[in-house]
Every structure is written in C-alpha cells, then in structure tokens.
Amino acid sequence: MGGGGEPRAPALGGLTEPAALEAELQAARADALAQKCYKVETEVENWVQKYDADIGELEEQCVELRAACQEVAVHTADMLPRLSALALEHERVQGVRARALALAREGRLQALRSSRAARVLQRAWAAYRSAARNSKKKGKKKGKKKGGKGGKGGKGGSRK
C-alpha cells in the first residue's frame, strides 16, 4: 500500500499544498488590505489634524478680526458726537465765509459803481464846463467890436 506512487506534498497544518498556497495568498491579501486600510486611516487622520490646525488658525484670525471690528465700532461711536459738532461748526464757518465773500463782492461792486459814477459825473462836468466856455465864446464876435469908432480892429490893439 502506498509504496511507490506519487510523492505526497508535505502537510502544513494539515492542509495540502494548493490549500496552503491559497491560505497564504488569503493571508497576504488580508495583510495588504490591512496595510492599505492603515495607510488610508493614517492619511485621513493627518488630513483631519491639518484641517483642525487650519481651522484653528482661521478661528484665531476671526477672533482677532471680531475684536478689531468691535474696537472700531466703539471708536466710531465715540467719534459720532464729535463728528456732529464738527459738521455744525463746518456749516457755520461755511456760512460765515459765504457772507464774507458776498460782502466783499458787494464792496467791489459798490466801488466799481462809485468809480463809474465818478467818471460819468466828471465827464458830464467837463462837458458842461466846455459847453459853458464855448457858449461864452459864441456870444463874442470875432473881428470888429461893437461901439468902436470906425476903423479896423477896435481900440488900438496890434494886429497879428
């Protein structure tokens, strides 16, 4: 019985060689899958840690920005009454400036009117005096004078 036939495969834990190979293959696949799972889990854990770190930084920035906004809001609230007072003062100054400009403009116009009126009066007076002089001259006759005794030229004046 069984003396010289085919050699038998050595048994590994009671399994034949193809079954042992299949078991080794299964174990290798399970080991590779476990390594792959471990690698993916580690990668996901790293992503989560990186996400937490990034979000932590962003949260700190948000807190800082909120504090800065709050500070600006407080500063703005403190400045609003002063701004109102300055706006009223600005309006008052603008009104004073506008009145001063209007007075200056009116003063210049009055000076122009006065100087023009003076020129008109001076011209009218000069024209009147000229007309008065000319009317005196018109009254006198050139040449012979009235009331003289015959002869040319009148009372012994020299001729030109």
Protein backbone atom coordinates (compact mmCIF):
# COMPACT_ATOMS: atom_id res chain seq x y z
CA MET A 1 0.00 0.00 0.00
CA GLY A 2 1.24 3.04 -0.97
CA GLY A 3 4.74 2.34 -1.50
CA GLY A 4 5.80 3.87 -4.65
CA GLY A 5 3.29 6.19 -6.18
CA GLU A 6 3.28 9.87 -6.28
CA PRO A 7 5.05 11.67 -3.56
CA ARG A 8 2.79 13.39 -1.17
CA ALA A 9 3.00 17.09 -0.51
CA PRO A 10 4.11 17.89 2.94
CA ALA A 11 1.22 18.98 5.04
CA LEU A 12 1.21 22.46 6.51
CA GLY A 13 -1.05 22.42 9.43
CA GLY A 14 -2.99 19.61 7.97
CA LEU A 15 -3.55 21.28 4.58
CA THR A 16 -2.42 20.20 1.24
CA GLU A 17 -0.13 22.35 -0.83
CA PRO A 18 -2.77 24.18 -3.00
CA ALA A 19 -4.86 24.86 0.05
CA ALA A 20 -1.78 26.11 1.90
CA LEU A 21 -0.93 28.39 -1.02
CA GLU A 22 -4.50 29.64 -1.07
CA ALA A 23 -4.32 30.30 2.68
CA GLU A 24 -1.01 32.14 2.27
CA LEU A 25 -2.50 34.15 -0.58
CA GLN A 26 -5.54 34.99 1.53
CA ALA A 27 -3.30 35.98 4.45
CA ALA A 28 -1.15 38.14 2.14
CA ARG A 29 -4.27 39.80 0.71
CA ALA A 30 -5.64 40.40 4.20
CA ASP A 31 -2.27 41.78 5.29
CA ALA A 32 -2.08 44.07 2.21
CA LEU A 33 -5.66 45.18 2.79
CA ALA A 34 -4.91 45.84 6.45
CA GLN A 35 -1.84 47.87 5.46
CA LYS A 36 -3.88 49.77 2.89
CA CYS A 37 -6.60 50.45 5.48
CA TYR A 38 -3.97 51.55 7.97
CA LYS A 39 -2.39 53.85 5.35
CA VAL A 40 -5.78 55.39 4.42
CA GLU A 41 -6.75 55.78 8.07
CA THR A 42 -3.42 57.45 8.80
CA GLU A 43 -3.82 59.75 5.79
CA VAL A 44 -7.36 60.67 6.86
CA GLU A 45 -6.15 61.30 10.38
CA ASN A 46 -3.38 63.57 9.02
CA TRP A 47 -5.96 65.45 6.91
CA VAL A 48 -8.19 65.89 9.94
CA GLN A 49 -5.27 67.17 12.01
CA LYS A 50 -4.25 69.56 9.22
CA TYR A 51 -7.89 70.70 8.86
CA ASP A 52 -8.12 71.25 12.61
CA ALA A 53 -4.86 73.25 12.56
CA ASP A 54 -6.01 75.37 9.59
CA ILE A 55 -9.43 75.94 11.11
CA GLY A 56 -7.79 76.79 14.43
CA GLU A 57 -5.65 79.45 12.73
CA LEU A 58 -8.66 80.80 10.86
CA GLU A 59 -10.70 80.83 14.05
CA GLU A 60 -7.93 82.81 15.78
CA GLN A 61 -7.92 85.27 12.87
CA CYS A 62 -11.71 85.56 13.09
CA VAL A 63 -11.50 86.25 16.82
CA GLU A 64 -8.83 88.91 16.21
CA LEU A 65 -10.89 90.49 13.42
CA ARG A 66 -14.03 90.49 15.56
CA ALA A 67 -12.10 92.20 18.35
CA ALA A 68 -10.73 94.77 15.89
CA CYS A 69 -14.23 95.37 14.48
CA GLN A 70 -15.60 95.80 17.98
CA GLU A 71 -12.82 98.27 18.76
CA VAL A 72 -13.55 100.22 15.57
CA ALA A 73 -17.27 100.24 16.40
CA VAL A 74 -16.56 101.61 19.88
CA HIS A 75 -14.18 104.21 18.43
CA THR A 76 -16.77 105.17 15.81
CA ALA A 77 -19.48 105.50 18.45
CA ASP A 78 -17.14 107.74 20.46
CA MET A 79 -16.42 109.90 17.40
CA LEU A 80 -20.02 110.39 16.22
CA PRO A 81 -20.85 113.23 18.64
CA ARG A 82 -17.59 114.97 17.76
CA LEU A 83 -18.34 114.49 14.07
CA SER A 84 -21.76 116.08 14.55
CA ALA A 85 -20.21 119.03 16.37
CA LEU A 86 -17.57 119.41 13.66
CA ALA A 87 -20.23 119.23 10.94
CA LEU A 88 -22.20 122.02 12.64
CA GLU A 89 -19.02 124.07 13.03
CA HIS A 90 -18.18 123.46 9.36
CA GLU A 91 -21.63 124.65 8.29
CA ARG A 92 -21.25 127.75 10.48
CA VAL A 93 -17.81 128.51 9.05
CA GLN A 94 -19.08 127.96 5.51
CA GLY A 95 -21.95 130.38 6.21
CA VAL A 96 -19.56 132.99 7.61
CA ARG A 97 -17.26 132.51 4.63
CA ALA A 98 -20.16 132.82 2.18
CA ARG A 99 -21.36 136.01 3.90
CA ALA A 100 -17.82 137.43 3.87
CA LEU A 101 -17.46 136.61 0.17
CA ALA A 102 -20.85 138.19 -0.54
CA LEU A 103 -19.85 141.33 1.40
CA ALA A 104 -16.52 141.50 -0.40
CA ARG A 105 -18.24 141.04 -3.76
CA GLU A 106 -20.81 143.70 -2.85
CA GLY A 107 -17.97 146.01 -1.75
CA ARG A 108 -16.17 145.53 -5.06
CA LEU A 109 -19.41 146.14 -6.96
CA GLN A 110 -20.07 149.28 -4.91
CA ALA A 111 -16.53 150.50 -5.59
CA LEU A 112 -16.99 149.84 -9.31
CA ARG A 113 -20.34 151.64 -9.28
CA SER A 114 -18.84 154.58 -7.39
CA SER A 115 -15.84 154.87 -9.71
CA ARG A 116 -18.08 154.61 -12.77
CA ALA A 117 -20.46 157.20 -11.34
CA ALA A 118 -17.47 159.46 -10.59
CA ARG A 119 -16.21 159.08 -14.16
CA VAL A 120 -19.68 159.82 -15.54
CA LEU A 121 -20.01 162.89 -13.30
CA GLN A 122 -16.51 164.09 -14.19
CA ARG A 123 -17.20 163.68 -17.90
CA ALA A 124 -20.56 165.42 -17.55
CA TRP A 125 -18.97 168.26 -15.57
CA ALA A 126 -16.16 168.55 -18.10
CA ALA A 127 -18.70 168.57 -20.94
CA TYR A 128 -20.77 171.20 -19.09
CA ARG A 129 -17.75 173.43 -18.49
CA SER A 130 -16.64 173.00 -22.06
CA ALA A 131 -20.11 173.86 -23.28
CA ALA A 132 -20.23 176.87 -20.92
CA ARG A 133 -16.88 178.15 -22.20
CA ASN A 134 -17.97 177.61 -25.76
CA SER A 135 -21.23 179.47 -25.15
CA LYS A 136 -19.28 182.46 -23.77
CA LYS A 137 -17.14 182.45 -26.86
CA LYS A 138 -20.20 182.23 -29.08
CA GLY A 139 -21.53 185.37 -27.53
CA LYS A 140 -18.48 187.33 -28.59
CA LYS A 141 -17.99 188.21 -32.21
CA LYS A 142 -14.73 187.79 -33.87
CA GLY A 143 -13.34 190.69 -35.73
CA LYS A 144 -14.91 194.10 -35.12
CA LYS A 145 -16.09 195.02 -31.72
CA LYS A 146 -19.23 196.97 -31.06
CA GLY A 147 -19.17 200.52 -30.04
CA GLY A 148 -15.88 201.49 -31.50
CA LYS A 149 -15.25 204.38 -33.81
CA GLY A 150 -14.59 203.43 -37.34
CA GLY A 151 -11.60 201.63 -38.42
CA LYS A 152 -10.45 198.15 -38.19
CA GLY A 153 -9.64 196.34 -35.11
CA GLY A 154 -11.15 198.42 -32.39
CA LYS A 155 -9.22 200.18 -29.64
CA GLY A 156 -5.80 200.35 -30.95
CA GLY A 157 -4.73 196.79 -30.49
CA SER A 158 -1.96 195.32 -32.52
CA ARG A 159 -2.59 193.07 -35.41
CA LYS A 160 -1.39 189.67 -35.68
